[in-house]
mmCIF file of all heavy atoms, coordinates in Angstrom:
data_MODEL
# 
_entry.id   MODEL 
# 
loop_
_atom_site.group_PDB 
_atom_site.id 
_atom_site.type_symbol 
_atom_site.label_atom_id 
_atom_site.label_alt_id 
_atom_site.label_comp_id 
_atom_site.label_asym_id 
_atom_site.label_entity_id 
_atom_site.label_seq_id 
_atom_site.pdbx_PDB_ins_code 
_atom_site.Cartn_x 
_atom_site.Cartn_y 
_atom_site.Cartn_z 
_atom_site.occupancy 
_atom_site.B_iso_or_equiv 
_atom_site.pdbx_formal_charge 
_atom_site.auth_seq_id 
_atom_site.auth_comp_id 
_atom_site.auth_asym_id 
_atom_site.auth_atom_id 
_atom_site.pdbx_PDB_model_num 
ATOM 1   N N   . ALA A 1 1  ? -23.563 -40.682 73.912 1.00 0.00 ? 1  ALA A N   1 
ATOM 2   C CA  . ALA A 1 1  ? -22.783 -40.538 72.683 1.00 0.00 ? 1  ALA A CA  1 
ATOM 3   C C   . ALA A 1 1  ? -23.685 -40.274 71.487 1.00 0.00 ? 1  ALA A C   1 
ATOM 4   O O   . ALA A 1 1  ? -23.382 -39.443 70.628 1.00 0.00 ? 1  ALA A O   1 
ATOM 5   C CB  . ALA A 1 1  ? -21.938 -41.795 72.454 1.00 0.00 ? 1  ALA A CB  1 
ATOM 6   N N   . SER A 1 2  ? -24.826 -40.971 71.433 1.00 0.00 ? 2  SER A N   1 
ATOM 7   C CA  . SER A 1 2  ? -25.772 -40.765 70.334 1.00 0.00 ? 2  SER A CA  1 
ATOM 8   C C   . SER A 1 2  ? -26.346 -39.359 70.354 1.00 0.00 ? 2  SER A C   1 
ATOM 9   O O   . SER A 1 2  ? -26.516 -38.731 69.307 1.00 0.00 ? 2  SER A O   1 
ATOM 10  C CB  . SER A 1 2  ? -26.904 -41.798 70.412 1.00 0.00 ? 2  SER A CB  1 
ATOM 11  O OG  . SER A 1 2  ? -26.406 -43.104 70.211 1.00 0.00 ? 2  SER A OG  1 
ATOM 12  N N   . LEU A 1 3  ? -26.658 -38.867 71.558 1.00 0.00 ? 3  LEU A N   1 
ATOM 13  C CA  . LEU A 1 3  ? -27.167 -37.499 71.679 1.00 0.00 ? 3  LEU A CA  1 
ATOM 14  C C   . LEU A 1 3  ? -26.119 -36.495 71.194 1.00 0.00 ? 3  LEU A C   1 
ATOM 15  O O   . LEU A 1 3  ? -26.443 -35.574 70.426 1.00 0.00 ? 3  LEU A O   1 
ATOM 16  C CB  . LEU A 1 3  ? -27.528 -37.204 73.134 1.00 0.00 ? 3  LEU A CB  1 
ATOM 17  C CG  . LEU A 1 3  ? -27.930 -35.752 73.432 1.00 0.00 ? 3  LEU A CG  1 
ATOM 18  C CD1 . LEU A 1 3  ? -29.228 -35.391 72.720 1.00 0.00 ? 3  LEU A CD1 1 
ATOM 19  C CD2 . LEU A 1 3  ? -28.056 -35.519 74.945 1.00 0.00 ? 3  LEU A CD2 1 
ATOM 20  N N   . ALA A 1 4  ? -24.879 -36.669 71.629 1.00 0.00 ? 4  ALA A N   1 
ATOM 21  C CA  . ALA A 1 4  ? -23.821 -35.752 71.206 1.00 0.00 ? 4  ALA A CA  1 
ATOM 22  C C   . ALA A 1 4  ? -23.646 -35.777 69.695 1.00 0.00 ? 4  ALA A C   1 
ATOM 23  O O   . ALA A 1 4  ? -23.463 -34.729 69.066 1.00 0.00 ? 4  ALA A O   1 
ATOM 24  C CB  . ALA A 1 4  ? -22.510 -36.109 71.903 1.00 0.00 ? 4  ALA A CB  1 
ATOM 25  N N   . PHE A 1 5  ? -23.712 -36.967 69.100 1.00 0.00 ? 5  PHE A N   1 
ATOM 26  C CA  . PHE A 1 5  ? -23.555 -37.078 67.649 1.00 0.00 ? 5  PHE A CA  1 
ATOM 27  C C   . PHE A 1 5  ? -24.690 -36.360 66.929 1.00 0.00 ? 5  PHE A C   1 
ATOM 28  O O   . PHE A 1 5  ? -24.465 -35.602 65.982 1.00 0.00 ? 5  PHE A O   1 
ATOM 29  C CB  . PHE A 1 5  ? -23.510 -38.548 67.241 1.00 0.00 ? 5  PHE A CB  1 
ATOM 30  C CG  . PHE A 1 5  ? -23.334 -38.752 65.757 1.00 0.00 ? 5  PHE A CG  1 
ATOM 31  C CD1 . PHE A 1 5  ? -22.140 -38.438 65.130 1.00 0.00 ? 5  PHE A CD1 1 
ATOM 32  C CD2 . PHE A 1 5  ? -24.371 -39.241 64.986 1.00 0.00 ? 5  PHE A CD2 1 
ATOM 33  C CE1 . PHE A 1 5  ? -21.976 -38.611 63.756 1.00 0.00 ? 5  PHE A CE1 1 
ATOM 34  C CE2 . PHE A 1 5  ? -24.228 -39.421 63.623 1.00 0.00 ? 5  PHE A CE2 1 
ATOM 35  C CZ  . PHE A 1 5  ? -23.029 -39.108 63.001 1.00 0.00 ? 5  PHE A CZ  1 
ATOM 36  N N   . LYS A 1 6  ? -25.916 -36.575 67.401 1.00 0.00 ? 6  LYS A N   1 
ATOM 37  C CA  . LYS A 1 6  ? -27.073 -35.926 66.777 1.00 0.00 ? 6  LYS A CA  1 
ATOM 38  C C   . LYS A 1 6  ? -26.954 -34.405 66.866 1.00 0.00 ? 6  LYS A C   1 
ATOM 39  O O   . LYS A 1 6  ? -27.165 -33.695 65.866 1.00 0.00 ? 6  LYS A O   1 
ATOM 40  C CB  . LYS A 1 6  ? -28.364 -36.386 67.464 1.00 0.00 ? 6  LYS A CB  1 
ATOM 41  C CG  . LYS A 1 6  ? -29.636 -35.789 66.843 1.00 0.00 ? 6  LYS A CG  1 
ATOM 42  C CD  . LYS A 1 6  ? -30.880 -36.238 67.577 1.00 0.00 ? 6  LYS A CD  1 
ATOM 43  C CE  . LYS A 1 6  ? -31.066 -35.456 68.869 1.00 0.00 ? 6  LYS A CE  1 
ATOM 44  N NZ  . LYS A 1 6  ? -32.377 -35.724 69.517 1.00 0.00 ? 6  LYS A NZ  1 
ATOM 45  N N   . LEU A 1 7  ? -26.585 -33.908 68.026 1.00 0.00 ? 7  LEU A N   1 
ATOM 46  C CA  . LEU A 1 7  ? -26.476 -32.464 68.202 1.00 0.00 ? 7  LEU A CA  1 
ATOM 47  C C   . LEU A 1 7  ? -25.293 -31.882 67.423 1.00 0.00 ? 7  LEU A C   1 
ATOM 48  O O   . LEU A 1 7  ? -25.330 -30.721 67.010 1.00 0.00 ? 7  LEU A O   1 
ATOM 49  C CB  . LEU A 1 7  ? -26.350 -32.135 69.683 1.00 0.00 ? 7  LEU A CB  1 
ATOM 50  C CG  . LEU A 1 7  ? -27.579 -32.467 70.547 1.00 0.00 ? 7  LEU A CG  1 
ATOM 51  C CD1 . LEU A 1 7  ? -27.317 -32.138 72.010 1.00 0.00 ? 7  LEU A CD1 1 
ATOM 52  C CD2 . LEU A 1 7  ? -28.816 -31.731 70.048 1.00 0.00 ? 7  LEU A CD2 1 
ATOM 53  N N   . SER A 1 8  ? -24.245 -32.685 67.213 1.00 0.00 ? 8  SER A N   1 
ATOM 54  C CA  . SER A 1 8  ? -23.085 -32.186 66.477 1.00 0.00 ? 8  SER A CA  1 
ATOM 55  C C   . SER A 1 8  ? -23.426 -31.881 65.022 1.00 0.00 ? 8  SER A C   1 
ATOM 56  O O   . SER A 1 8  ? -22.738 -31.091 64.373 1.00 0.00 ? 8  SER A O   1 
ATOM 57  C CB  . SER A 1 8  ? -21.940 -33.198 66.534 1.00 0.00 ? 8  SER A CB  1 
ATOM 58  O OG  . SER A 1 8  ? -22.185 -34.325 65.693 1.00 0.00 ? 8  SER A OG  1 
ATOM 59  N N   . LEU A 1 9  ? -24.476 -32.507 64.519 1.00 0.00 ? 9  LEU A N   1 
ATOM 60  C CA  . LEU A 1 9  ? -24.869 -32.330 63.121 1.00 0.00 ? 9  LEU A CA  1 
ATOM 61  C C   . LEU A 1 9  ? -25.860 -31.187 62.921 1.00 0.00 ? 9  LEU A C   1 
ATOM 62  O O   . LEU A 1 9  ? -26.194 -30.853 61.786 1.00 0.00 ? 9  LEU A O   1 
ATOM 63  C CB  . LEU A 1 9  ? -25.484 -33.631 62.582 1.00 0.00 ? 9  LEU A CB  1 
ATOM 64  C CG  . LEU A 1 9  ? -24.587 -34.870 62.641 1.00 0.00 ? 9  LEU A CG  1 
ATOM 65  C CD1 . LEU A 1 9  ? -25.342 -36.086 62.144 1.00 0.00 ? 9  LEU A CD1 1 
ATOM 66  C CD2 . LEU A 1 9  ? -23.305 -34.666 61.840 1.00 0.00 ? 9  LEU A CD2 1 
ATOM 67  N N   . ASP A 1 10 ? -26.322 -30.597 64.023 1.00 0.00 ? 10 ASP A N   1 
ATOM 68  C CA  . ASP A 1 10 ? -27.295 -29.504 63.954 1.00 0.00 ? 10 ASP A CA  1 
ATOM 69  C C   . ASP A 1 10 ? -26.567 -28.201 63.631 1.00 0.00 ? 10 ASP A C   1 
ATOM 70  O O   . ASP A 1 10 ? -25.833 -27.655 64.455 1.00 0.00 ? 10 ASP A O   1 
ATOM 71  C CB  . ASP A 1 10 ? -28.035 -29.390 65.292 1.00 0.00 ? 10 ASP A CB  1 
ATOM 72  C CG  . ASP A 1 10 ? -29.157 -28.368 65.265 1.00 0.00 ? 10 ASP A CG  1 
ATOM 73  O OD1 . ASP A 1 10 ? -29.158 -27.498 64.374 1.00 0.00 ? 10 ASP A OD1 1 
ATOM 74  O OD2 . ASP A 1 10 ? -30.028 -28.433 66.149 1.00 0.00 ? 10 ASP A OD2 1 
ATOM 75  N N   . LYS A 1 11 ? -26.754 -27.704 62.437 1.00 0.00 ? 11 LYS A N   1 
ATOM 76  C CA  . LYS A 1 11 ? -26.013 -26.525 61.964 1.00 0.00 ? 11 LYS A CA  1 
ATOM 77  C C   . LYS A 1 11 ? -26.558 -25.198 62.490 1.00 0.00 ? 11 LYS A C   1 
ATOM 78  O O   . LYS A 1 11 ? -25.922 -24.156 62.336 1.00 0.00 ? 11 LYS A O   1 
ATOM 79  C CB  . LYS A 1 11 ? -26.012 -26.485 60.426 1.00 0.00 ? 11 LYS A CB  1 
ATOM 80  C CG  . LYS A 1 11 ? -25.398 -27.721 59.776 1.00 0.00 ? 11 LYS A CG  1 
ATOM 81  C CD  . LYS A 1 11 ? -23.970 -27.950 60.238 1.00 0.00 ? 11 LYS A CD  1 
ATOM 82  C CE  . LYS A 1 11 ? -23.333 -29.151 59.559 1.00 0.00 ? 11 LYS A CE  1 
ATOM 83  N NZ  . LYS A 1 11 ? -22.005 -29.471 60.128 1.00 0.00 ? 11 LYS A NZ  1 
ATOM 84  N N   . LYS A 1 12 ? -27.729 -25.224 63.102 1.00 0.00 ? 12 LYS A N   1 
ATOM 85  C CA  . LYS A 1 12 ? -28.347 -23.979 63.571 1.00 0.00 ? 12 LYS A CA  1 
ATOM 86  C C   . LYS A 1 12 ? -28.311 -23.839 65.093 1.00 0.00 ? 12 LYS A C   1 
ATOM 87  O O   . LYS A 1 12 ? -28.755 -22.834 65.639 1.00 0.00 ? 12 LYS A O   1 
ATOM 88  C CB  . LYS A 1 12 ? -29.819 -23.920 63.114 1.00 0.00 ? 12 LYS A CB  1 
ATOM 89  C CG  . LYS A 1 12 ? -29.986 -23.871 61.597 1.00 0.00 ? 12 LYS A CG  1 
ATOM 90  C CD  . LYS A 1 12 ? -29.344 -22.621 61.017 1.00 0.00 ? 12 LYS A CD  1 
ATOM 91  C CE  . LYS A 1 12 ? -29.572 -22.521 59.508 1.00 0.00 ? 12 LYS A CE  1 
ATOM 92  N NZ  . LYS A 1 12 ? -28.901 -21.329 58.945 1.00 0.00 ? 12 LYS A NZ  1 
ATOM 93  N N   . ARG A 1 13 ? -27.784 -24.826 65.751 1.00 0.00 ? 13 ARG A N   1 
ATOM 94  C CA  . ARG A 1 13 ? -27.838 -24.880 67.208 1.00 0.00 ? 13 ARG A CA  1 
ATOM 95  C C   . ARG A 1 13 ? -26.770 -23.986 67.844 1.00 0.00 ? 13 ARG A C   1 
ATOM 96  O O   . ARG A 1 13 ? -25.662 -23.838 67.330 1.00 0.00 ? 13 ARG A O   1 
ATOM 97  C CB  . ARG A 1 13 ? -27.628 -26.340 67.613 1.00 0.00 ? 13 ARG A CB  1 
ATOM 98  C CG  . ARG A 1 13 ? -27.320 -26.599 69.056 1.00 0.00 ? 13 ARG A CG  1 
ATOM 99  C CD  . ARG A 1 13 ? -27.165 -28.099 69.273 1.00 0.00 ? 13 ARG A CD  1 
ATOM 100 N NE  . ARG A 1 13 ? -26.537 -28.398 70.543 1.00 0.00 ? 13 ARG A NE  1 
ATOM 101 C CZ  . ARG A 1 13 ? -27.172 -28.353 71.695 1.00 0.00 ? 13 ARG A CZ  1 
ATOM 102 N NH1 . ARG A 1 13 ? -28.446 -28.036 71.737 1.00 0.00 ? 13 ARG A NH1 1 
ATOM 103 N NH2 . ARG A 1 13 ? -26.538 -28.654 72.825 1.00 0.00 ? 13 ARG A NH2 1 
ATOM 104 N N   . SER A 1 14 ? -27.133 -23.407 68.983 1.00 0.00 ? 14 SER A N   1 
ATOM 105 C CA  . SER A 1 14 ? -26.138 -22.699 69.786 1.00 0.00 ? 14 SER A CA  1 
ATOM 106 C C   . SER A 1 14 ? -25.543 -23.712 70.753 1.00 0.00 ? 14 SER A C   1 
ATOM 107 O O   . SER A 1 14 ? -26.021 -23.904 71.866 1.00 0.00 ? 14 SER A O   1 
ATOM 108 C CB  . SER A 1 14 ? -26.776 -21.541 70.551 1.00 0.00 ? 14 SER A CB  1 
ATOM 109 O OG  . SER A 1 14 ? -25.813 -20.897 71.367 1.00 0.00 ? 14 SER A OG  1 
ATOM 110 N N   . SER A 1 15 ? -24.502 -24.387 70.310 1.00 0.00 ? 15 SER A N   1 
ATOM 111 C CA  . SER A 1 15 ? -23.880 -25.458 71.084 1.00 0.00 ? 15 SER A CA  1 
ATOM 112 C C   . SER A 1 15 ? -22.939 -24.875 72.147 1.00 0.00 ? 15 SER A C   1 
ATOM 113 O O   . SER A 1 15 ? -22.607 -23.679 72.100 1.00 0.00 ? 15 SER A O   1 
ATOM 114 C CB  . SER A 1 15 ? -23.080 -26.359 70.150 1.00 0.00 ? 15 SER A CB  1 
ATOM 115 O OG  . SER A 1 15 ? -22.022 -25.618 69.558 1.00 0.00 ? 15 SER A OG  1 
ATOM 116 N N   . PRO A 1 16 ? -22.489 -25.690 73.097 1.00 0.00 ? 16 PRO A N   1 
ATOM 117 C CA  . PRO A 1 16 ? -21.483 -25.192 74.042 1.00 0.00 ? 16 PRO A CA  1 
ATOM 118 C C   . PRO A 1 16 ? -20.247 -24.646 73.333 1.00 0.00 ? 16 PRO A C   1 
ATOM 119 O O   . PRO A 1 16 ? -19.696 -23.621 73.735 1.00 0.00 ? 16 PRO A O   1 
ATOM 120 C CB  . PRO A 1 16 ? -21.147 -26.436 74.874 1.00 0.00 ? 16 PRO A CB  1 
ATOM 121 C CG  . PRO A 1 16 ? -22.393 -27.267 74.837 1.00 0.00 ? 16 PRO A CG  1 
ATOM 122 C CD  . PRO A 1 16 ? -22.953 -27.056 73.465 1.00 0.00 ? 16 PRO A CD  1 
ATOM 123 N N   . PHE A 1 17 ? -19.824 -25.308 72.250 1.00 0.00 ? 17 PHE A N   1 
ATOM 124 C CA  . PHE A 1 17 ? -18.659 -24.840 71.492 1.00 0.00 ? 17 PHE A CA  1 
ATOM 125 C C   . PHE A 1 17 ? -18.943 -23.488 70.847 1.00 0.00 ? 17 PHE A C   1 
ATOM 126 O O   . PHE A 1 17 ? -18.117 -22.571 70.894 1.00 0.00 ? 17 PHE A O   1 
ATOM 127 C CB  . PHE A 1 17 ? -18.283 -25.867 70.421 1.00 0.00 ? 17 PHE A CB  1 
ATOM 128 C CG  . PHE A 1 17 ? -17.037 -25.522 69.657 1.00 0.00 ? 17 PHE A CG  1 
ATOM 129 C CD1 . PHE A 1 17 ? -15.783 -25.768 70.199 1.00 0.00 ? 17 PHE A CD1 1 
ATOM 130 C CD2 . PHE A 1 17 ? -17.117 -24.945 68.390 1.00 0.00 ? 17 PHE A CD2 1 
ATOM 131 C CE1 . PHE A 1 17 ? -14.619 -25.449 69.497 1.00 0.00 ? 17 PHE A CE1 1 
ATOM 132 C CE2 . PHE A 1 17 ? -15.957 -24.623 67.679 1.00 0.00 ? 17 PHE A CE2 1 
ATOM 133 C CZ  . PHE A 1 17 ? -14.713 -24.878 68.232 1.00 0.00 ? 17 PHE A CZ  1 
ATOM 134 N N   . ALA A 1 18 ? -20.141 -23.360 70.262 1.00 0.00 ? 18 ALA A N   1 
ATOM 135 C CA  . ALA A 1 18 ? -20.517 -22.088 69.626 1.00 0.00 ? 18 ALA A CA  1 
ATOM 136 C C   . ALA A 1 18 ? -20.601 -20.969 70.667 1.00 0.00 ? 18 ALA A C   1 
ATOM 137 O O   . ALA A 1 18 ? -20.168 -19.837 70.419 1.00 0.00 ? 18 ALA A O   1 
ATOM 138 C CB  . ALA A 1 18 ? -21.850 -22.245 68.907 1.00 0.00 ? 18 ALA A CB  1 
ATOM 139 N N   . LYS A 1 19 ? -21.134 -21.288 71.820 1.00 0.00 ? 19 LYS A N   1 
ATOM 140 C CA  . LYS A 1 19 ? -21.252 -20.289 72.889 1.00 0.00 ? 19 LYS A CA  1 
ATOM 141 C C   . LYS A 1 19 ? -19.871 -19.806 73.327 1.00 0.00 ? 19 LYS A C   1 
ATOM 142 O O   . LYS A 1 19 ? -19.645 -18.603 73.519 1.00 0.00 ? 19 LYS A O   1 
ATOM 143 C CB  . LYS A 1 19 ? -22.007 -20.889 74.075 1.00 0.00 ? 19 LYS A CB  1 
ATOM 144 C CG  . LYS A 1 19 ? -22.267 -19.917 75.199 1.00 0.00 ? 19 LYS A CG  1 
ATOM 145 C CD  . LYS A 1 19 ? -23.034 -20.573 76.327 1.00 0.00 ? 19 LYS A CD  1 
ATOM 146 C CE  . LYS A 1 19 ? -23.231 -19.595 77.484 1.00 0.00 ? 19 LYS A CE  1 
ATOM 147 N NZ  . LYS A 1 19 ? -23.905 -20.233 78.642 1.00 0.00 ? 19 LYS A NZ  1 
ATOM 148 N N   . GLN A 1 20 ? -18.934 -20.748 73.473 1.00 0.00 ? 20 GLN A N   1 
ATOM 149 C CA  . GLN A 1 20 ? -17.568 -20.364 73.849 1.00 0.00 ? 20 GLN A CA  1 
ATOM 150 C C   . GLN A 1 20 ? -16.913 -19.515 72.764 1.00 0.00 ? 20 GLN A C   1 
ATOM 151 O O   . GLN A 1 20 ? -16.184 -18.568 73.063 1.00 0.00 ? 20 GLN A O   1 
ATOM 152 C CB  . GLN A 1 20 ? -16.724 -21.618 74.096 1.00 0.00 ? 20 GLN A CB  1 
ATOM 153 C CG  . GLN A 1 20 ? -17.047 -22.351 75.376 1.00 0.00 ? 20 GLN A CG  1 
ATOM 154 C CD  . GLN A 1 20 ? -16.113 -23.530 75.588 1.00 0.00 ? 20 GLN A CD  1 
ATOM 155 O OE1 . GLN A 1 20 ? -14.911 -23.446 75.363 1.00 0.00 ? 20 GLN A OE1 1 
ATOM 156 N NE2 . GLN A 1 20 ? -16.684 -24.648 76.005 1.00 0.00 ? 20 GLN A NE2 1 
ATOM 157 N N   . ALA A 1 21 ? -17.175 -19.858 71.504 1.00 0.00 ? 21 ALA A N   1 
ATOM 158 C CA  . ALA A 1 21 ? -16.601 -19.086 70.400 1.00 0.00 ? 21 ALA A CA  1 
ATOM 159 C C   . ALA A 1 21 ? -17.050 -17.631 70.471 1.00 0.00 ? 21 ALA A C   1 
ATOM 160 O O   . ALA A 1 21 ? -16.244 -16.705 70.339 1.00 0.00 ? 21 ALA A O   1 
ATOM 161 C CB  . ALA A 1 21 ? -17.000 -19.709 69.064 1.00 0.00 ? 21 ALA A CB  1 
ATOM 162 N N   . VAL A 1 22 ? -18.347 -17.431 70.677 1.00 0.00 ? 22 VAL A N   1 
ATOM 163 C CA  . VAL A 1 22 ? -18.895 -16.079 70.772 1.00 0.00 ? 22 VAL A CA  1 
ATOM 164 C C   . VAL A 1 22 ? -18.270 -15.326 71.943 1.00 0.00 ? 22 VAL A C   1 
ATOM 165 O O   . VAL A 1 22 ? -17.934 -14.134 71.843 1.00 0.00 ? 22 VAL A O   1 
ATOM 166 C CB  . VAL A 1 22 ? -20.427 -16.130 70.913 1.00 0.00 ? 22 VAL A CB  1 
ATOM 167 C CG1 . VAL A 1 22 ? -20.986 -14.756 71.249 1.00 0.00 ? 22 VAL A CG1 1 
ATOM 168 C CG2 . VAL A 1 22 ? -21.054 -16.661 69.626 1.00 0.00 ? 22 VAL A CG2 1 
ATOM 169 N N   . GLU A 1 23 ? -18.083 -16.032 73.071 1.00 0.00 ? 23 GLU A N   1 
ATOM 170 C CA  . GLU A 1 23 ? -17.481 -15.400 74.241 1.00 0.00 ? 23 GLU A CA  1 
ATOM 171 C C   . GLU A 1 23 ? -16.042 -14.953 73.975 1.00 0.00 ? 23 GLU A C   1 
ATOM 172 O O   . GLU A 1 23 ? -15.522 -14.072 74.657 1.00 0.00 ? 23 GLU A O   1 
ATOM 173 C CB  . GLU A 1 23 ? -17.520 -16.359 75.436 1.00 0.00 ? 23 GLU A CB  1 
ATOM 174 C CG  . GLU A 1 23 ? -18.934 -16.581 75.983 1.00 0.00 ? 23 GLU A CG  1 
ATOM 175 C CD  . GLU A 1 23 ? -19.002 -17.678 77.024 1.00 0.00 ? 23 GLU A CD  1 
ATOM 176 O OE1 . GLU A 1 23 ? -17.961 -18.361 77.245 1.00 0.00 ? 23 GLU A OE1 1 
ATOM 177 O OE2 . GLU A 1 23 ? -20.084 -17.879 77.600 1.00 0.00 ? 23 GLU A OE2 1 
ATOM 178 N N   . HIS A 1 24 ? -15.406 -15.589 72.980 1.00 0.00 ? 24 HIS A N   1 
ATOM 179 C CA  . HIS A 1 24 ? -14.036 -15.218 72.615 1.00 0.00 ? 24 HIS A CA  1 
ATOM 180 C C   . HIS A 1 24 ? -13.994 -14.330 71.365 1.00 0.00 ? 24 HIS A C   1 
ATOM 181 O O   . HIS A 1 24 ? -12.956 -14.186 70.726 1.00 0.00 ? 24 HIS A O   1 
ATOM 182 C CB  . HIS A 1 24 ? -13.191 -16.481 72.398 1.00 0.00 ? 24 HIS A CB  1 
ATOM 183 C CG  . HIS A 1 24 ? -12.835 -17.187 73.662 1.00 0.00 ? 24 HIS A CG  1 
ATOM 184 N ND1 . HIS A 1 24 ? -13.686 -18.085 74.284 1.00 0.00 ? 24 HIS A ND1 1 
ATOM 185 C CD2 . HIS A 1 24 ? -11.728 -17.114 74.439 1.00 0.00 ? 24 HIS A CD2 1 
ATOM 186 C CE1 . HIS A 1 24 ? -13.115 -18.543 75.369 1.00 0.00 ? 24 HIS A CE1 1 
ATOM 187 N NE2 . HIS A 1 24 ? -11.935 -17.977 75.500 1.00 0.00 ? 24 HIS A NE2 1 
ATOM 188 N N   . GLY A 1 25 ? -15.159 -13.766 71.017 1.00 0.00 ? 25 GLY A N   1 
ATOM 189 C CA  . GLY A 1 25 ? -15.207 -12.826 69.907 1.00 0.00 ? 25 GLY A CA  1 
ATOM 190 C C   . GLY A 1 25 ? -15.181 -13.451 68.534 1.00 0.00 ? 25 GLY A C   1 
ATOM 191 O O   . GLY A 1 25 ? -14.867 -12.784 67.542 1.00 0.00 ? 25 GLY A O   1 
ATOM 192 N N   . LEU A 1 26 ? -15.506 -14.733 68.454 1.00 0.00 ? 26 LEU A N   1 
ATOM 193 C CA  . LEU A 1 26 ? -15.512 -15.444 67.173 1.00 0.00 ? 26 LEU A CA  1 
ATOM 194 C C   . LEU A 1 26 ? -16.938 -15.832 66.809 1.00 0.00 ? 26 LEU A C   1 
ATOM 195 O O   . LEU A 1 26 ? -17.795 -15.989 67.675 1.00 0.00 ? 26 LEU A O   1 
ATOM 196 C CB  . LEU A 1 26 ? -14.637 -16.705 67.261 1.00 0.00 ? 26 LEU A CB  1 
ATOM 197 C CG  . LEU A 1 26 ? -13.179 -16.471 67.674 1.00 0.00 ? 26 LEU A CG  1 
ATOM 198 C CD1 . LEU A 1 26 ? -12.495 -17.802 67.945 1.00 0.00 ? 26 LEU A CD1 1 
ATOM 199 C CD2 . LEU A 1 26 ? -12.434 -15.701 66.592 1.00 0.00 ? 26 LEU A CD2 1 
ATOM 200 N N   . TRP A 1 27 ? -17.174 -16.003 65.517 1.00 0.00 ? 27 TRP A N   1 
ATOM 201 C CA  . TRP A 1 27 ? -18.507 -16.424 65.081 1.00 0.00 ? 27 TRP A CA  1 
ATOM 202 C C   . TRP A 1 27 ? -18.482 -17.903 64.750 1.00 0.00 ? 27 TRP A C   1 
ATOM 203 O O   . TRP A 1 27 ? -17.637 -18.384 63.994 1.00 0.00 ? 27 TRP A O   1 
ATOM 204 C CB  . TRP A 1 27 ? -18.965 -15.631 63.858 1.00 0.00 ? 27 TRP A CB  1 
ATOM 205 C CG  . TRP A 1 27 ? -20.360 -16.016 63.449 1.00 0.00 ? 27 TRP A CG  1 
ATOM 206 C CD1 . TRP A 1 27 ? -21.523 -15.469 63.910 1.00 0.00 ? 27 TRP A CD1 1 
ATOM 207 C CD2 . TRP A 1 27 ? -20.739 -17.023 62.511 1.00 0.00 ? 27 TRP A CD2 1 
ATOM 208 N NE1 . TRP A 1 27 ? -22.606 -16.081 63.326 1.00 0.00 ? 27 TRP A NE1 1 
ATOM 209 C CE2 . TRP A 1 27 ? -22.155 -17.045 62.470 1.00 0.00 ? 27 TRP A CE2 1 
ATOM 210 C CE3 . TRP A 1 27 ? -20.023 -17.923 61.723 1.00 0.00 ? 27 TRP A CE3 1 
ATOM 211 C CZ2 . TRP A 1 27 ? -22.860 -17.924 61.653 1.00 0.00 ? 27 TRP A CZ2 1 
ATOM 212 C CZ3 . TRP A 1 27 ? -20.729 -18.814 60.914 1.00 0.00 ? 27 TRP A CZ3 1 
ATOM 213 C CH2 . TRP A 1 27 ? -22.134 -18.800 60.885 1.00 0.00 ? 27 TRP A CH2 1 
ATOM 214 N N   . PHE A 1 28 ? -19.386 -18.637 65.360 1.00 0.00 ? 28 PHE A N   1 
ATOM 215 C CA  . PHE A 1 28 ? -19.540 -20.061 65.055 1.00 0.00 ? 28 PHE A CA  1 
ATOM 216 C C   . PHE A 1 28 ? -20.982 -20.419 65.353 1.00 0.00 ? 28 PHE A C   1 
ATOM 217 O O   . PHE A 1 28 ? -21.532 -20.010 66.379 1.00 0.00 ? 28 PHE A O   1 
ATOM 218 C CB  . PHE A 1 28 ? -18.597 -20.920 65.895 1.00 0.00 ? 28 PHE A CB  1 
ATOM 219 C CG  . PHE A 1 28 ? -18.619 -22.383 65.523 1.00 0.00 ? 28 PHE A CG  1 
ATOM 220 C CD1 . PHE A 1 28 ? -17.756 -22.878 64.563 1.00 0.00 ? 28 PHE A CD1 1 
ATOM 221 C CD2 . PHE A 1 28 ? -19.515 -23.250 66.124 1.00 0.00 ? 28 PHE A CD2 1 
ATOM 222 C CE1 . PHE A 1 28 ? -17.767 -24.224 64.215 1.00 0.00 ? 28 PHE A CE1 1 
ATOM 223 C CE2 . PHE A 1 28 ? -19.543 -24.605 65.777 1.00 0.00 ? 28 PHE A CE2 1 
ATOM 224 C CZ  . PHE A 1 28 ? -18.667 -25.089 64.818 1.00 0.00 ? 28 PHE A CZ  1 
# 
């Protein structure tokens, strides 16, 4: 949980959510 929280605050990271967004033609 702590790792997920830390990574959720990283604004420059290519997160799993960001990767899925790009795959659906969205920018995140």
